[in-house]
Amino acid sequence: MKKLVSESLNELYKFEKKGNALDSLNIGKKSLIISWLDKMNVTDYIINDDLTIDCKFSLFFRIDLVKFPEYIQFNFMHQSFWCNDCNLVTLRGCPRIVKGNFDCSDNFLDSLEGCPEEVDGHFYCVFNKIKKFTIEDVKKVCRVKGVIQV
């Protein structure tokens, strides 16, 4: 009896009936996200259906990032998000909501585009090497409950 290609592949790779074939093979965006988060030692996260990332604990990036990979988009931080002194040229990929502090100081930013919409703690954006931002610049793009330091 002849088997369909999909039946043969399913036997070989043990695809889940409702699962994504790319995820089952460890390829695709979700696998790239997981691999990058592992490389950055990020733990206790959830990857949402829209492939955004929610994190339970504070994240500290103290490496030469320049920018987050295109497939990385943080969504909700239960605590703080520190991406200062990373040589970032863009904040694209930063979380939408930060329940703690947000720090994007000491980078090469010419825009706050991509910064969080809400920060419950303090917002730090000092010593930027390209443009000096003002408190008004921050307030235009983000609701900050704490202190804004520019």
C-alpha atoms as a PDB file:
ATOM      1  CA  MET A   1       0.000   0.000   0.000  1.00  0.00           C
ATOM      2  CA  LYS A   2       1.382   3.409  -0.976  1.00  0.00           C
ATOM      3  CA  LYS A   3       1.749   6.108   1.679  1.00  0.00           C
ATOM      4  CA  LEU A   4       1.289   9.782   1.172  1.00  0.00           C
ATOM      5  CA  VAL A   5       4.387  11.925   1.600  1.00  0.00           C
ATOM      6  CA  SER A   6       2.811  13.582   4.652  1.00  0.00           C
ATOM      7  CA  GLU A   7       2.190  10.166   6.256  1.00  0.00           C
ATOM      8  CA  SER A   8       5.806   9.129   5.691  1.00  0.00           C
ATOM      9  CA  LEU A   9       7.140  12.417   7.070  1.00  0.00           C
ATOM     10  CA  ASN A  10       4.852  12.157  10.075  1.00  0.00           C
ATOM     11  CA  GLU A  11       6.194   8.687  10.893  1.00  0.00           C
ATOM     12  CA  LEU A  12       9.772   9.866  10.444  1.00  0.00           C
ATOM     13  CA  TYR A  13       9.580  13.163  12.365  1.00  0.00           C
ATOM     14  CA  LYS A  14       6.618  12.483  14.698  1.00  0.00           C
ATOM     15  CA  PHE A  15       4.759  15.698  13.852  1.00  0.00           C
ATOM     16  CA  GLU A  16       1.947  16.607  16.201  1.00  0.00           C
ATOM     17  CA  LYS A  17      -1.449  16.534  14.496  1.00  0.00           C
ATOM     18  CA  LYS A  18      -2.192  20.175  15.318  1.00  0.00           C
ATOM     19  CA  GLY A  19       1.405  21.286  15.652  1.00  0.00           C
ATOM     20  CA  ASN A  20       3.436  23.375  13.275  1.00  0.00           C
ATOM     21  CA  ALA A  21       5.735  21.270  11.084  1.00  0.00           C
ATOM     22  CA  LEU A  22       8.494  23.906  11.266  1.00  0.00           C
ATOM     23  CA  ASP A  23       8.410  23.894  15.068  1.00  0.00           C
ATOM     24  CA  SER A  24       8.550  20.097  15.073  1.00  0.00           C
ATOM     25  CA  LEU A  25      11.730  20.270  12.980  1.00  0.00           C
ATOM     26  CA  ASN A  26      13.182  23.024  15.223  1.00  0.00           C
ATOM     27  CA  ILE A  27      13.182  25.574  12.419  1.00  0.00           C
ATOM     28  CA  GLY A  28      11.116  28.705  11.897  1.00  0.00           C
ATOM     29  CA  LYS A  29      10.685  31.936  13.838  1.00  0.00           C
ATOM     30  CA  LYS A  30       9.707  30.387  17.150  1.00  0.00           C
ATOM     31  CA  SER A  31      12.817  28.217  17.159  1.00  0.00           C
ATOM     32  CA  LEU A  32      14.974  31.250  16.271  1.00  0.00           C
ATOM     33  CA  ILE A  33      13.429  33.143  19.193  1.00  0.00           C
ATOM     34  CA  ILE A  34      14.063  30.288  21.621  1.00  0.00           C
ATOM     35  CA  SER A  35      17.639  29.882  20.398  1.00  0.00           C
ATOM     36  CA  TRP A  36      18.376  33.610  20.786  1.00  0.00           C
ATOM     37  CA  LEU A  37      16.786  33.769  24.250  1.00  0.00           C
ATOM     38  CA  ASP A  38      18.846  30.743  25.315  1.00  0.00           C
ATOM     39  CA  LYS A  39      22.005  32.408  23.976  1.00  0.00           C
ATOM     40  CA  MET A  40      21.161  35.534  26.001  1.00  0.00           C
ATOM     41  CA  ASN A  41      20.483  33.414  29.127  1.00  0.00           C
ATOM     42  CA  VAL A  42      16.871  34.570  29.265  1.00  0.00           C
ATOM     43  CA  THR A  43      14.687  32.221  31.299  1.00  0.00           C
ATOM     44  CA  ASP A  44      11.103  32.216  32.568  1.00  0.00           C
ATOM     45  CA  TYR A  45       9.481  33.637  29.474  1.00  0.00           C
ATOM     46  CA  ILE A  46       6.370  32.948  27.429  1.00  0.00           C
ATOM     47  CA  ILE A  47       6.249  33.174  23.655  1.00  0.00           C
ATOM     48  CA  ASN A  48       2.774  34.400  22.752  1.00  0.00           C
ATOM     49  CA  ASP A  49       0.769  33.274  19.707  1.00  0.00           C
ATOM     50  CA  ASP A  50       1.838  36.461  17.890  1.00  0.00           C
ATOM     51  CA  LEU A  51       5.502  35.519  18.674  1.00  0.00           C
ATOM     52  CA  THR A  52       6.003  38.385  21.137  1.00  0.00           C
ATOM     53  CA  ILE A  53       7.796  37.579  24.391  1.00  0.00           C
ATOM     54  CA  ASP A  54       6.568  38.098  27.960  1.00  0.00           C
ATOM     55  CA  CYS A  55       9.163  37.836  30.761  1.00  0.00           C
ATOM     56  CA  LYS A  56       8.614  37.253  34.469  1.00  0.00           C
ATOM     57  CA  PHE A  57      11.920  38.679  35.669  1.00  0.00           C
ATOM     58  CA  SER A  58      14.142  41.670  34.896  1.00  0.00           C
ATOM     59  CA  LEU A  59      16.364  41.471  31.828  1.00  0.00           C
ATOM     60  CA  PHE A  60      19.822  43.001  31.698  1.00  0.00           C
ATOM     61  CA  PHE A  61      21.502  43.216  28.310  1.00  0.00           C
ATOM     62  CA  ARG A  62      25.092  44.354  28.712  1.00  0.00           C
ATOM     63  CA  ILE A  63      26.496  43.242  25.375  1.00  0.00           C
ATOM     64  CA  ASP A  64      27.182  44.807  21.995  1.00  0.00           C
ATOM     65  CA  LEU A  65      23.724  44.360  20.474  1.00  0.00           C
ATOM     66  CA  VAL A  66      23.412  47.316  18.056  1.00  0.00           C
ATOM     67  CA  LYS A  67      19.809  46.150  17.529  1.00  0.00           C
ATOM     68  CA  PHE A  68      17.592  43.253  18.509  1.00  0.00           C
ATOM     69  CA  PRO A  69      17.170  40.634  15.779  1.00  0.00           C
ATOM     70  CA  GLU A  70      14.139  41.189  13.526  1.00  0.00           C
ATOM     71  CA  TYR A  71      12.380  38.161  15.011  1.00  0.00           C
ATOM     72  CA  ILE A  72      12.708  39.424  18.624  1.00  0.00           C
ATOM     73  CA  GLN A  73       9.837  41.520  19.987  1.00  0.00           C
ATOM     74  CA  PHE A  74       9.391  41.730  23.723  1.00  0.00           C
ATOM     75  CA  ASN A  75       5.847  42.464  24.862  1.00  0.00           C
ATOM     76  CA  PHE A  76       5.317  42.479  28.627  1.00  0.00           C
ATOM     77  CA  MET A  77       7.966  42.717  31.346  1.00  0.00           C
ATOM     78  CA  HIS A  78       6.802  41.886  34.871  1.00  0.00           C
ATOM     79  CA  GLN A  79       9.904  43.674  36.186  1.00  0.00           C
ATOM     80  CA  SER A  80      12.645  45.895  34.674  1.00  0.00           C
ATOM     81  CA  PHE A  81      14.271  46.005  31.232  1.00  0.00           C
ATOM     82  CA  TRP A  82      17.857  47.246  31.025  1.00  0.00           C
ATOM     83  CA  CYS A  83      19.350  47.711  27.545  1.00  0.00           C
ATOM     84  CA  ASN A  84      21.813  50.447  28.449  1.00  0.00           C
ATOM     85  CA  ASP A  85      25.371  50.557  27.133  1.00  0.00           C
ATOM     86  CA  CYS A  86      24.659  48.062  24.320  1.00  0.00           C
ATOM     87  CA  ASN A  87      25.486  50.342  21.348  1.00  0.00           C
ATOM     88  CA  LEU A  88      21.845  50.196  20.260  1.00  0.00           C
ATOM     89  CA  VAL A  89      20.895  52.307  17.250  1.00  0.00           C
ATOM     90  CA  THR A  90      17.184  51.490  17.588  1.00  0.00           C
ATOM     91  CA  LEU A  91      14.793  50.449  20.329  1.00  0.00           C
ATOM     92  CA  ARG A  92      12.770  48.222  17.996  1.00  0.00           C
ATOM     93  CA  GLY A  93      12.156  44.969  19.849  1.00  0.00           C
ATOM     94  CA  CYS A  94      11.923  46.536  23.306  1.00  0.00           C
ATOM     95  CA  PRO A  95       8.877  45.610  25.406  1.00  0.00           C
ATOM     96  CA  ARG A  96       5.525  47.341  25.002  1.00  0.00           C
ATOM     97  CA  ILE A  97       4.858  47.399  28.768  1.00  0.00           C
ATOM     98  CA  VAL A  98       7.445  47.428  31.564  1.00  0.00           C
ATOM     99  CA  LYS A  99       6.228  47.054  35.155  1.00  0.00           C
ATOM    100  CA  GLY A 100       9.615  48.049  36.574  1.00  0.00           C
ATOM    101  CA  ASN A 101      12.281  50.431  35.255  1.00  0.00           C
ATOM    102  CA  PHE A 102      13.387  50.919  31.650  1.00  0.00           C
ATOM    103  CA  ASP A 103      16.953  51.994  30.878  1.00  0.00           C
ATOM    104  CA  CYS A 104      18.201  52.737  27.362  1.00  0.00           C
ATOM    105  CA  SER A 105      21.080  55.017  28.399  1.00  0.00           C
ATOM    106  CA  ASP A 106      24.538  55.076  26.800  1.00  0.00           C
ATOM    107  CA  ASN A 107      23.471  54.019  23.300  1.00  0.00           C
ATOM    108  CA  PHE A 108      23.524  55.532  19.792  1.00  0.00           C
ATOM    109  CA  LEU A 109      19.829  56.410  19.469  1.00  0.00           C
ATOM    110  CA  ASP A 110      18.433  59.125  17.207  1.00  0.00           C
ATOM    111  CA  SER A 111      14.816  58.236  18.038  1.00  0.00           C
ATOM    112  CA  LEU A 112      12.763  56.757  20.870  1.00  0.00           C
ATOM    113  CA  GLU A 113      10.674  54.793  18.370  1.00  0.00           C
ATOM    114  CA  GLY A 114      10.245  51.261  19.701  1.00  0.00           C
ATOM    115  CA  CYS A 115      10.493  52.257  23.361  1.00  0.00           C
ATOM    116  CA  PRO A 116       7.772  50.997  25.731  1.00  0.00           C
ATOM    117  CA  GLU A 117       4.300  52.533  25.648  1.00  0.00           C
ATOM    118  CA  GLU A 118       4.079  52.206  29.443  1.00  0.00           C
ATOM    119  CA  VAL A 119       6.710  52.124  32.189  1.00  0.00           C
ATOM    120  CA  ASP A 120       5.511  51.788  35.785  1.00  0.00           C
ATOM    121  CA  GLY A 121       8.961  52.529  37.227  1.00  0.00           C
ATOM    122  CA  HIS A 122      11.589  55.024  36.103  1.00  0.00           C
ATOM    123  CA  PHE A 123      12.643  55.762  32.505  1.00  0.00           C
ATOM    124  CA  TYR A 124      16.383  56.351  32.031  1.00  0.00           C
ATOM    125  CA  CYS A 125      17.749  57.730  28.776  1.00  0.00           C
ATOM    126  CA  VAL A 126      20.951  59.579  29.655  1.00  0.00           C
ATOM    127  CA  PHE A 127      24.324  59.859  27.925  1.00  0.00           C
ATOM    128  CA  ASN A 128      22.978  58.957  24.500  1.00  0.00           C
ATOM    129  CA  LYS A 129      25.767  59.555  22.008  1.00  0.00           C
ATOM    130  CA  ILE A 130      23.666  60.712  19.026  1.00  0.00           C
ATOM    131  CA  LYS A 131      20.770  62.798  20.339  1.00  0.00           C
ATOM    132  CA  LYS A 132      19.977  64.280  23.728  1.00  0.00           C
ATOM    133  CA  PHE A 133      16.350  63.515  24.467  1.00  0.00           C
ATOM    134  CA  THR A 134      14.083  65.691  26.573  1.00  0.00           C
ATOM    135  CA  ILE A 135      11.439  64.741  29.116  1.00  0.00           C
ATOM    136  CA  GLU A 136       8.866  65.932  26.572  1.00  0.00           C
ATOM    137  CA  ASP A 137      10.335  63.558  23.944  1.00  0.00           C
ATOM    138  CA  VAL A 138       9.780  60.652  26.328  1.00  0.00           C
ATOM    139  CA  LYS A 139       6.270  61.765  27.330  1.00  0.00           C
ATOM    140  CA  LYS A 140       5.228  61.871  23.653  1.00  0.00           C
ATOM    141  CA  VAL A 141       5.859  58.142  23.251  1.00  0.00           C
ATOM    142  CA  CYS A 142       5.583  56.622  26.737  1.00  0.00           C
ATOM    143  CA  ARG A 143       3.398  56.863  29.863  1.00  0.00           C
ATOM    144  CA  VAL A 144       5.898  56.835  32.729  1.00  0.00           C
ATOM    145  CA  LYS A 145       4.717  56.585  36.334  1.00  0.00           C
ATOM    146  CA  GLY A 146       8.167  57.092  37.842  1.00  0.00           C
ATOM    147  CA  VAL A 147      10.943  59.582  37.212  1.00  0.00           C
ATOM    148  CA  ILE A 148      12.137  60.369  33.692  1.00  0.00           C
ATOM    149  CA  GLN A 149      15.863  60.944  33.583  1.00  0.00           C
ATOM    150  CA  VAL A 150      17.314  62.292  30.330  1.00  0.00           C
END
